[in-house]
Amino acid sequence: MDDATRDRIEAAAFRRLRKHLMEDRPDVQNIDLMNLGGFCRNCLSRWMQEAAAEEGIEMSKDEARAAYYGMPYSEWIAQHQTEATPEQKAAFAKKKDH
């Protein structure tokens, strides 16, 4: 497989992952993703920011989040984020200590 084809396939897979997390499963909280997978939507937006920087494109944290979430992060929080349960917070703290 040539590099351009691989890039297109990887980009399509990323877009599908984003669609899944943003449209198909917005109910899955970032803390659950962090606890189970070690990454969340915010990580994906940060990785976009880092990739942009590698291309010489400046992108702030807020710009990266808006690009990933498709809206300002504060709107996403208001529409989809719930308060983390004590169990979720404990699991997150445990993972963070390792």
PDB file of N, CA and C in Angstrom:
ATOM      1  N   MET A   1       0.859  -1.173   0.000  1.00  0.00           N
ATOM      2  CA  MET A   1       0.000   0.000   0.000  1.00  0.00           C
ATOM      3  C   MET A   1       0.904   1.235   0.000  1.00  0.00           C
ATOM      4  N   ASP A   2       0.604   2.189  -0.863  1.00  0.00           N
ATOM      5  CA  ASP A   2       1.425   3.396  -0.910  1.00  0.00           C
ATOM      6  C   ASP A   2       1.028   4.353   0.221  1.00  0.00           C
ATOM      7  N   ASP A   3       1.897   5.309   0.500  1.00  0.00           N
ATOM      8  CA  ASP A   3       1.703   6.224   1.623  1.00  0.00           C
ATOM      9  C   ASP A   3       0.427   7.053   1.494  1.00  0.00           C
ATOM     10  N   ALA A   4       0.128   7.530   0.298  1.00  0.00           N
ATOM     11  CA  ALA A   4      -1.070   8.360   0.112  1.00  0.00           C
ATOM     12  C   ALA A   4      -2.343   7.561   0.393  1.00  0.00           C
ATOM     13  N   THR A   5      -2.367   6.326  -0.057  1.00  0.00           N
ATOM     14  CA  THR A   5      -3.532   5.472   0.203  1.00  0.00           C
ATOM     15  C   THR A   5      -3.666   5.190   1.689  1.00  0.00           C
ATOM     16  N   ARG A   6      -2.555   4.869   2.341  1.00  0.00           N
ATOM     17  CA  ARG A   6      -2.587   4.623   3.781  1.00  0.00           C
ATOM     18  C   ARG A   6      -3.071   5.868   4.533  1.00  0.00           C
ATOM     19  N   ASP A   7      -2.589   7.040   4.131  1.00  0.00           N
ATOM     20  CA  ASP A   7      -3.036   8.290   4.765  1.00  0.00           C
ATOM     21  C   ASP A   7      -4.545   8.474   4.619  1.00  0.00           C
ATOM     22  N   ARG A   8      -5.087   8.202   3.426  1.00  0.00           N
ATOM     23  CA  ARG A   8      -6.538   8.327   3.209  1.00  0.00           C
ATOM     24  C   ARG A   8      -7.314   7.346   4.071  1.00  0.00           C
ATOM     25  N   ILE A   9      -6.831   6.117   4.164  1.00  0.00           N
ATOM     26  CA  ILE A   9      -7.504   5.094   4.967  1.00  0.00           C
ATOM     27  C   ILE A   9      -7.441   5.457   6.447  1.00  0.00           C
ATOM     28  N   GLU A  10      -6.271   5.886   6.918  1.00  0.00           N
ATOM     29  CA  GLU A  10      -6.139   6.285   8.321  1.00  0.00           C
ATOM     30  C   GLU A  10      -7.026   7.490   8.632  1.00  0.00           C
ATOM     31  N   ALA A  11      -7.085   8.457   7.731  1.00  0.00           N
ATOM     32  CA  ALA A  11      -7.942   9.633   7.929  1.00  0.00           C
ATOM     33  C   ALA A  11      -9.414   9.218   7.978  1.00  0.00           C
ATOM     34  N   ALA A  12      -9.806   8.300   7.116  1.00  0.00           N
ATOM     35  CA  ALA A  12     -11.195   7.819   7.122  1.00  0.00           C
ATOM     36  C   ALA A  12     -11.508   7.097   8.427  1.00  0.00           C
ATOM     37  N   ALA A  13     -10.563   6.297   8.926  1.00  0.00           N
ATOM     38  CA  ALA A  13     -10.772   5.596  10.187  1.00  0.00           C
ATOM     39  C   ALA A  13     -10.881   6.591  11.341  1.00  0.00           C
ATOM     40  N   PHE A  14     -10.083   7.643  11.335  1.00  0.00           N
ATOM     41  CA  PHE A  14     -10.172   8.670  12.367  1.00  0.00           C
ATOM     42  C   PHE A  14     -11.525   9.376  12.309  1.00  0.00           C
ATOM     43  N   ARG A  15     -11.969   9.715  11.102  1.00  0.00           N
ATOM     44  CA  ARG A  15     -13.279  10.368  10.968  1.00  0.00           C
ATOM     45  C   ARG A  15     -14.391   9.454  11.476  1.00  0.00           C
ATOM     46  N   ARG A  16     -14.274   8.166  11.235  1.00  0.00           N
ATOM     47  CA  ARG A  16     -15.289   7.224  11.713  1.00  0.00           C
ATOM     48  C   ARG A  16     -15.256   7.105  13.231  1.00  0.00           C
ATOM     49  N   LEU A  17     -14.071   7.078  13.822  1.00  0.00           N
ATOM     50  CA  LEU A  17     -13.951   7.067  15.279  1.00  0.00           C
ATOM     51  C   LEU A  17     -14.571   8.324  15.862  1.00  0.00           C
ATOM     52  N   ARG A  18     -14.285   9.476  15.272  1.00  0.00           N
ATOM     53  CA  ARG A  18     -14.862  10.728  15.743  1.00  0.00           C
ATOM     54  C   ARG A  18     -16.385  10.679  15.651  1.00  0.00           C
ATOM     55  N   LYS A  19     -16.922  10.224  14.522  1.00  0.00           N
ATOM     56  CA  LYS A  19     -18.368  10.127  14.366  1.00  0.00           C
ATOM     57  C   LYS A  19     -18.969   9.208  15.425  1.00  0.00           C
ATOM     58  N   HIS A  20     -18.307   8.099  15.672  1.00  0.00           N
ATOM     59  CA  HIS A  20     -18.804   7.152  16.662  1.00  0.00           C
ATOM     60  C   HIS A  20     -18.877   7.810  18.042  1.00  0.00           C
ATOM     61  N   LEU A  21     -17.793   8.490  18.433  1.00  0.00           N
ATOM     62  CA  LEU A  21     -17.761   9.103  19.758  1.00  0.00           C
ATOM     63  C   LEU A  21     -18.657  10.324  19.876  1.00  0.00           C
ATOM     64  N   MET A  22     -18.811  11.068  18.786  1.00  0.00           N
ATOM     65  CA  MET A  22     -19.560  12.324  18.845  1.00  0.00           C
ATOM     66  C   MET A  22     -21.040  12.146  18.534  1.00  0.00           C
ATOM     67  N   GLU A  23     -21.373  11.246  17.625  1.00  0.00           N
ATOM     68  CA  GLU A  23     -22.756  11.111  17.179  1.00  0.00           C
ATOM     69  C   GLU A  23     -23.421   9.816  17.655  1.00  0.00           C
ATOM     70  N   ASP A  24     -22.702   8.714  17.535  1.00  0.00           N
ATOM     71  CA  ASP A  24     -23.297   7.427  17.887  1.00  0.00           C
ATOM     72  C   ASP A  24     -23.308   7.198  19.400  1.00  0.00           C
ATOM     73  N   ARG A  25     -22.266   7.664  20.092  1.00  0.00           N
ATOM     74  CA  ARG A  25     -22.140   7.397  21.524  1.00  0.00           C
ATOM     75  C   ARG A  25     -21.744   8.648  22.322  1.00  0.00           C
ATOM     76  N   PRO A  26     -22.469   9.740  22.166  1.00  0.00           N
ATOM     77  CA  PRO A  26     -22.142  10.925  22.973  1.00  0.00           C
ATOM     78  C   PRO A  26     -22.409  10.702  24.456  1.00  0.00           C
ATOM     79  N   ASP A  27     -23.137   9.633  24.777  1.00  0.00           N
ATOM     80  CA  ASP A  27     -23.432   9.312  26.172  1.00  0.00           C
ATOM     81  C   ASP A  27     -22.220   8.772  26.925  1.00  0.00           C
ATOM     82  N   VAL A  28     -21.253   8.260  26.207  1.00  0.00           N
ATOM     83  CA  VAL A  28     -20.050   7.734  26.848  1.00  0.00           C
ATOM     84  C   VAL A  28     -19.221   8.935  27.309  1.00  0.00           C
ATOM     85  N   GLN A  29     -18.991   8.994  28.593  1.00  0.00           N
ATOM     86  CA  GLN A  29     -18.292  10.127  29.183  1.00  0.00           C
ATOM     87  C   GLN A  29     -16.784  10.017  28.967  1.00  0.00           C
ATOM     88  N   ASN A  30     -16.121  11.181  28.865  1.00  0.00           N
ATOM     89  CA  ASN A  30     -14.673  11.192  28.700  1.00  0.00           C
ATOM     90  C   ASN A  30     -13.968  10.451  29.827  1.00  0.00           C
ATOM     91  N   ILE A  31     -14.459  10.582  31.044  1.00  0.00           N
ATOM     92  CA  ILE A  31     -13.798   9.895  32.163  1.00  0.00           C
ATOM     93  C   ILE A  31     -13.878   8.376  31.988  1.00  0.00           C
ATOM     94  N   ASP A  32     -14.967   7.875  31.412  1.00  0.00           N
ATOM     95  CA  ASP A  32     -15.067   6.439  31.141  1.00  0.00           C
ATOM     96  C   ASP A  32     -14.057   6.025  30.074  1.00  0.00           C
ATOM     97  N   LEU A  33     -13.924   6.838  29.040  1.00  0.00           N
ATOM     98  CA  LEU A  33     -12.927   6.544  28.011  1.00  0.00           C
ATOM     99  C   LEU A  33     -11.528   6.528  28.604  1.00  0.00           C
ATOM    100  N   MET A  34     -11.233   7.508  29.470  1.00  0.00           N
ATOM    101  CA  MET A  34      -9.915   7.565  30.111  1.00  0.00           C
ATOM    102  C   MET A  34      -9.699   6.343  31.000  1.00  0.00           C
ATOM    103  N   ASN A  35     -10.714   5.995  31.763  1.00  0.00           N
ATOM    104  CA  ASN A  35     -10.571   4.863  32.689  1.00  0.00           C
ATOM    105  C   ASN A  35     -10.380   3.545  31.953  1.00  0.00           C
ATOM    106  N   LEU A  36     -11.057   3.372  30.842  1.00  0.00           N
ATOM    107  CA  LEU A  36     -10.983   2.098  30.116  1.00  0.00           C
ATOM    108  C   LEU A  36      -9.910   2.074  29.039  1.00  0.00           C
ATOM    109  N   GLY A  37      -9.768   3.195  28.321  1.00  0.00           N
ATOM    110  CA  GLY A  37      -8.878   3.188  27.175  1.00  0.00           C
ATOM    111  C   GLY A  37      -7.611   4.015  27.315  1.00  0.00           C
ATOM    112  N   GLY A  38      -7.574   4.861  28.345  1.00  0.00           N
ATOM    113  CA  GLY A  38      -6.399   5.698  28.524  1.00  0.00           C
ATOM    114  C   GLY A  38      -6.356   6.912  27.613  1.00  0.00           C
ATOM    115  N   PHE A  39      -7.461   7.201  26.926  1.00  0.00           N
ATOM    116  CA  PHE A  39      -7.574   8.402  26.103  1.00  0.00           C
ATOM    117  C   PHE A  39      -9.034   8.795  26.051  1.00  0.00           C
ATOM    118  N   CYS A  40      -9.270  10.048  25.642  1.00  0.00           N
ATOM    119  CA  CYS A  40     -10.646  10.524  25.523  1.00  0.00           C
ATOM    120  C   CYS A  40     -10.739  11.503  24.360  1.00  0.00           C
ATOM    121  N   ARG A  41     -11.876  12.113  24.221  1.00  0.00           N
ATOM    122  CA  ARG A  41     -12.089  13.085  23.153  1.00  0.00           C
ATOM    123  C   ARG A  41     -11.096  14.242  23.250  1.00  0.00           C
ATOM    124  N   ASN A  42     -10.799  14.685  24.483  1.00  0.00           N
ATOM    125  CA  ASN A  42      -9.845  15.774  24.655  1.00  0.00           C
ATOM    126  C   ASN A  42      -8.451  15.357  24.199  1.00  0.00           C
ATOM    127  N   CYS A  43      -8.082  14.108  24.431  1.00  0.00           N
ATOM    128  CA  CYS A  43      -6.798  13.610  23.936  1.00  0.00           C
ATOM    129  C   CYS A  43      -6.771  13.679  22.407  1.00  0.00           C
ATOM    130  N   LEU A  44      -7.865  13.256  21.786  1.00  0.00           N
ATOM    131  CA  LEU A  44      -7.925  13.288  20.322  1.00  0.00           C
ATOM    132  C   LEU A  44      -7.794  14.724  19.807  1.00  0.00           C
ATOM    133  N   SER A  45      -8.424  15.668  20.482  1.00  0.00           N
ATOM    134  CA  SER A  45      -8.288  17.063  20.042  1.00  0.00           C
ATOM    135  C   SER A  45      -6.851  17.542  20.244  1.00  0.00           C
ATOM    136  N   ARG A  46      -6.212  17.126  21.343  1.00  0.00           N
ATOM    137  CA  ARG A  46      -4.814  17.507  21.581  1.00  0.00           C
ATOM    138  C   ARG A  46      -3.913  16.894  20.508  1.00  0.00           C
ATOM    139  N   TRP A  47      -4.196  15.659  20.112  1.00  0.00           N
ATOM    140  CA  TRP A  47      -3.397  15.029  19.066  1.00  0.00           C
ATOM    141  C   TRP A  47      -3.570  15.754  17.742  1.00  0.00           C
ATOM    142  N   MET A  48      -4.772  16.269  17.495  1.00  0.00           N
ATOM    143  CA  MET A  48      -4.983  17.094  16.291  1.00  0.00           C
ATOM    144  C   MET A  48      -4.127  18.354  16.380  1.00  0.00           C
ATOM    145  N   GLN A  49      -4.108  18.985  17.550  1.00  0.00           N
ATOM    146  CA  GLN A  49      -3.314  20.194  17.766  1.00  0.00           C
ATOM    147  C   GLN A  49      -1.827  19.890  17.529  1.00  0.00           C
ATOM    148  N   GLU A  50      -1.357  18.786  18.050  1.00  0.00           N
ATOM    149  CA  GLU A  50       0.039  18.392  17.875  1.00  0.00           C
ATOM    150  C   GLU A  50       0.361  18.112  16.402  1.00  0.00           C
ATOM    151  N   ALA A  51      -0.563  17.453  15.697  1.00  0.00           N
ATOM    152  CA  ALA A  51      -0.357  17.173  14.270  1.00  0.00           C
ATOM    153  C   ALA A  51      -0.314  18.472  13.474  1.00  0.00           C
ATOM    154  N   ALA A  52      -1.170  19.412  13.827  1.00  0.00           N
ATOM    155  CA  ALA A  52      -1.155  20.717  13.159  1.00  0.00           C
ATOM    156  C   ALA A  52       0.193  21.407  13.382  1.00  0.00           C
ATOM    157  N   ALA A  53       0.687  21.358  14.610  1.00  0.00           N
ATOM    158  CA  ALA A  53       1.979  21.979  14.924  1.00  0.00           C
ATOM    159  C   ALA A  53       3.100  21.354  14.105  1.00  0.00           C
ATOM    160  N   GLU A  54       3.037  20.038  13.914  1.00  0.00           N
ATOM    161  CA  GLU A  54       4.051  19.363  13.098  1.00  0.00           C
ATOM    162  C   GLU A  54       4.023  19.851  11.654  1.00  0.00           C
ATOM    163  N   GLU A  55       2.871  20.351  11.218  1.00  0.00           N
ATOM    164  CA  GLU A  55       2.727  20.897   9.867  1.00  0.00           C
ATOM    165  C   GLU A  55       2.982  22.406   9.831  1.00  0.00           C
ATOM    166  N   GLY A  56       3.391  22.961  10.992  1.00  0.00           N
ATOM    167  CA  GLY A  56       3.667  24.397  11.055  1.00  0.00           C
ATOM    168  C   GLY A  56       2.418  25.251  11.206  1.00  0.00           C
ATOM    169  N   ILE A  57       1.310  24.630  11.626  1.00  0.00           N
ATOM    170  CA  ILE A  57       0.042  25.339  11.779  1.00  0.00           C
ATOM    171  C   ILE A  57      -0.211  25.543  13.266  1.00  0.00           C
ATOM    172  N   GLU A  58      -0.366  26.800  13.659  1.00  0.00           N
ATOM    173  CA  GLU A  58      -0.671  27.089  15.057  1.00  0.00           C
ATOM    174  C   GLU A  58      -2.148  26.844  15.313  1.00  0.00           C
ATOM    175  N   MET A  59      -2.427  26.117  16.375  1.00  0.00           N
ATOM    176  CA  MET A  59      -3.796  25.824  16.770  1.00  0.00           C
ATOM    177  C   MET A  59      -3.830  25.827  18.286  1.00  0.00           C
ATOM    178  N   SER A  60      -4.652  26.674  18.854  1.00  0.00           N
ATOM    179  CA  SER A  60      -4.754  26.727  20.307  1.00  0.00           C
ATOM    180  C   SER A  60      -5.521  25.508  20.814  1.00  0.00           C
ATOM    181  N   LYS A  61      -5.454  25.295  22.115  1.00  0.00           N
ATOM    182  CA  LYS A  61      -6.204  24.209  22.735  1.00  0.00           C
ATOM    183  C   LYS A  61      -7.693  24.368  22.452  1.00  0.00           C
ATOM    184  N   ASP A  62      -8.216  25.595  22.599  1.00  0.00           N
ATOM    185  CA  ASP A  62      -9.636  25.843  22.340  1.00  0.00           C
ATOM    186  C   ASP A  62      -9.990  25.619  20.878  1.00  0.00           C
ATOM    187  N   GLU A  63      -9.120  26.042  19.973  1.00  0.00           N
ATOM    188  CA  GLU A  63      -9.365  25.826  18.541  1.00  0.00           C
ATOM    189  C   GLU A  63      -9.365  24.339  18.212  1.00  0.00           C
ATOM    190  N   ALA A  64      -8.436  23.602  18.801  1.00  0.00           N
ATOM    191  CA  ALA A  64      -8.370  22.154  18.550  1.00  0.00           C
ATOM    192  C   ALA A  64      -9.616  21.455  19.077  1.00  0.00           C
ATOM    193  N   ARG A  65     -10.054  21.854  20.261  1.00  0.00           N
ATOM    194  CA  ARG A  65     -11.260  21.241  20.808  1.00  0.00           C
ATOM    195  C   ARG A  65     -12.476  21.582  19.955  1.00  0.00           C
ATOM    196  N   ALA A  66     -12.592  22.814  19.525  1.00  0.00           N
ATOM    197  CA  ALA A  66     -13.725  23.198  18.672  1.00  0.00           C
ATOM    198  C   ALA A  66     -13.687  22.425  17.354  1.00  0.00           C
ATOM    199  N   ALA A  67     -12.493  22.224  16.807  1.00  0.00           N
ATOM    200  CA  ALA A  67     -12.367  21.466  15.559  1.00  0.00           C
ATOM    201  C   ALA A  67     -12.798  20.022  15.768  1.00  0.00           C
ATOM    202  N   TYR A  68     -12.395  19.421  16.889  1.00  0.00           N
ATOM    203  CA  TYR A  68     -12.756  18.031  17.143  1.00  0.00           C
ATOM    204  C   TYR A  68     -14.230  17.897  17.522  1.00  0.00           C
ATOM    205  N   TYR A  69     -14.682  18.699  18.466  1.00  0.00           N
ATOM    206  CA  TYR A  69     -16.048  18.579  18.974  1.00  0.00           C
ATOM    207  C   TYR A  69     -17.096  19.132  18.002  1.00  0.00           C
ATOM    208  N   GLY A  70     -16.660  19.947  17.050  1.00  0.00           N
ATOM    209  CA  GLY A  70     -17.608  20.534  16.104  1.00  0.00           C
ATOM    210  C   GLY A  70     -18.414  21.671  16.727  1.00  0.00           C
ATOM    211  N   MET A  71     -17.967  22.150  17.862  1.00  0.00           N
ATOM    212  CA  MET A  71     -18.624  23.231  18.598  1.00  0.00           C
ATOM    213  C   MET A  71     -17.665  23.648  19.706  1.00  0.00           C
ATOM    214  N   PRO A  72     -17.913  24.790  20.312  1.00  0.00           N
ATOM    215  CA  PRO A  72     -17.082  25.129  21.468  1.00  0.00           C
ATOM    216  C   PRO A  72     -17.214  24.053  22.542  1.00  0.00           C
ATOM    217  N   TYR A  73     -16.119  23.777  23.214  1.00  0.00           N
ATOM    218  CA  TYR A  73     -16.092  22.724  24.235  1.00  0.00           C
ATOM    219  C   TYR A  73     -17.138  22.973  25.312  1.00  0.00           C
ATOM    220  N   SER A  74     -17.347  24.220  25.679  1.00  0.00           N
ATOM    221  CA  SER A  74     -18.340  24.538  26.716  1.00  0.00           C
ATOM    222  C   SER A  74     -19.744  24.095  26.295  1.00  0.00           C
ATOM    223  N   GLU A  75     -20.048  24.180  25.002  1.00  0.00           N
ATOM    224  CA  GLU A  75     -21.354  23.712  24.516  1.00  0.00           C
ATOM    225  C   GLU A  75     -21.463  22.194  24.635  1.00  0.00           C
ATOM    226  N   TRP A  76     -20.387  21.489  24.286  1.00  0.00           N
ATOM    227  CA  TRP A  76     -20.390  20.033  24.399  1.00  0.00           C
ATOM    228  C   TRP A  76     -20.650  19.631  25.843  1.00  0.00           C
ATOM    229  N   ILE A  77     -19.929  20.273  26.755  1.00  0.00           N
ATOM    230  CA  ILE A  77     -20.091  19.957  28.177  1.00  0.00           C
ATOM    231  C   ILE A  77     -21.542  20.164  28.601  1.00  0.00           C
ATOM    232  N   ALA A  78     -22.105  21.300  28.213  1.00  0.00           N
ATOM    233  CA  ALA A  78     -23.482  21.607  28.612  1.00  0.00           C
ATOM    234  C   ALA A  78     -24.478  20.602  28.044  1.00  0.00           C
ATOM    235  N   GLN A  79     -24.225  20.112  26.838  1.00  0.00           N
ATOM    236  CA  GLN A  79     -25.157  19.203  26.179  1.00  0.00           C
ATOM    237  C   GLN A  79     -24.970  17.737  26.565  1.00  0.00           C
ATOM    238  N   HIS A  80     -23.745  17.335  26.886  1.00  0.00           N
ATOM    239  CA  HIS A  80     -23.472  15.896  26.992  1.00  0.00           C
ATOM    240  C   HIS A  80     -22.774  15.429  28.260  1.00  0.00           C
ATOM    241  N   GLN A  81     -22.047  16.289  28.926  1.00  0.00           N
ATOM    242  CA  GLN A  81     -21.246  15.813  30.051  1.00  0.00           C
ATOM    243  C   GLN A  81     -22.049  15.798  31.339  1.00  0.00           C
ATOM    244  N   THR A  82     -21.913  14.717  32.059  1.00  0.00           N
ATOM    245  CA  THR A  82     -22.556  14.594  33.364  1.00  0.00           C
ATOM    246  C   THR A  82     -21.484  14.654  34.445  1.00  0.00           C
ATOM    247  N   GLU A  83     -21.918  14.884  35.671  1.00  0.00           N
ATOM    248  CA  GLU A  83     -20.985  14.887  36.801  1.00  0.00           C
ATOM    249  C   GLU A  83     -20.434  13.478  36.984  1.00  0.00           C
ATOM    250  N   ALA A  84     -19.141  13.373  37.152  1.00  0.00           N
ATOM    251  CA  ALA A  84     -18.518  12.071  37.372  1.00  0.00           C
ATOM    252  C   ALA A  84     -18.957  11.516  38.716  1.00  0.00           C
ATOM    253  N   THR A  85     -19.198  10.224  38.726  1.00  0.00           N
ATOM    254  CA  THR A  85     -19.589   9.568  39.968  1.00  0.00           C
ATOM    255  C   THR A  85     -18.354   9.378  40.853  1.00  0.00           C
ATOM    256  N   PRO A  86     -18.564   9.148  42.135  1.00  0.00           N
ATOM    257  CA  PRO A  86     -17.413   8.847  43.002  1.00  0.00           C
ATOM    258  C   PRO A  86     -16.614   7.642  42.500  1.00  0.00           C
ATOM    259  N   GLU A  87     -17.301   6.646  41.946  1.00  0.00           N
ATOM    260  CA  GLU A  87     -16.620   5.456  41.421  1.00  0.00           C
ATOM    261  C   GLU A  87     -15.753   5.810  40.212  1.00  0.00           C
ATOM    262  N   GLN A  88     -16.293   6.643  39.314  1.00  0.00           N
ATOM    263  CA  GLN A  88     -15.515   7.060  38.150  1.00  0.00           C
ATOM    264  C   GLN A  88     -14.280   7.851  38.584  1.00  0.00           C
ATOM    265  N   LYS A  89     -14.469   8.753  39.531  1.00  0.00           N
ATOM    266  CA  LYS A  89     -13.348   9.564  40.025  1.00  0.00           C
ATOM    267  C   LYS A  89     -12.295   8.689  40.703  1.00  0.00           C
ATOM    268  N   ALA A  90     -12.732   7.706  41.465  1.00  0.00           N
ATOM    269  CA  ALA A  90     -11.787   6.812  42.137  1.00  0.00           C
ATOM    270  C   ALA A  90     -10.997   5.990  41.126  1.00  0.00           C
ATOM    271  N   ALA A  91     -11.681   5.486  40.109  1.00  0.00           N
ATOM    272  CA  ALA A  91     -11.002   4.712  39.066  1.00  0.00           C
ATOM    273  C   ALA A  91      -9.995   5.576  38.324  1.00  0.00           C
ATOM    274  N   PHE A  92     -10.358   6.827  38.058  1.00  0.00           N
ATOM    275  CA  PHE A  92      -9.461   7.750  37.371  1.00  0.00           C
ATOM    276  C   PHE A  92      -8.236   8.036  38.235  1.00  0.00           C
ATOM    277  N   ALA A  93      -8.457   8.286  39.502  1.00  0.00           N
ATOM    278  CA  ALA A  93      -7.349   8.557  40.420  1.00  0.00           C
ATOM    279  C   ALA A  93      -6.403   7.357  40.515  1.00  0.00           C
ATOM    280  N   LYS A  94      -6.974   6.165  40.530  1.00  0.00           N
ATOM    281  CA  LYS A  94      -6.158   4.945  40.597  1.00  0.00           C
ATOM    282  C   LYS A  94      -5.292   4.803  39.352  1.00  0.00           C
ATOM    283  N   LYS A  95      -5.869   5.047  38.184  1.00  0.00           N
ATOM    284  CA  LYS A  95      -5.109   4.946  36.926  1.00  0.00           C
ATOM    285  C   LYS A  95      -4.019   6.006  36.886  1.00  0.00           C
ATOM    286  N   LYS A  96      -4.341   7.196  37.375  1.00  0.00           N
ATOM    287  CA  LYS A  96      -3.410   8.318  37.345  1.00  0.00           C
ATOM    288  C   LYS A  96      -2.181   8.040  38.211  1.00  0.00           C
ATOM    289  N   ASP A  97      -2.361   7.273  39.275  1.00  0.00           N
ATOM    290  CA  ASP A  97      -1.258   6.962  40.179  1.00  0.00           C
ATOM    291  C   ASP A  97      -0.275   5.962  39.586  1.00  0.00           C
ATOM    292  N   HIS A  98      -0.681   5.248  38.553  1.00  0.00           N
ATOM    293  CA  HIS A  98       0.207   4.232  37.951  1.00  0.00           C
ATOM    294  C   HIS A  98       1.069   4.807  36.879  1.00  0.00           C
TER     295      HIS A  98
END
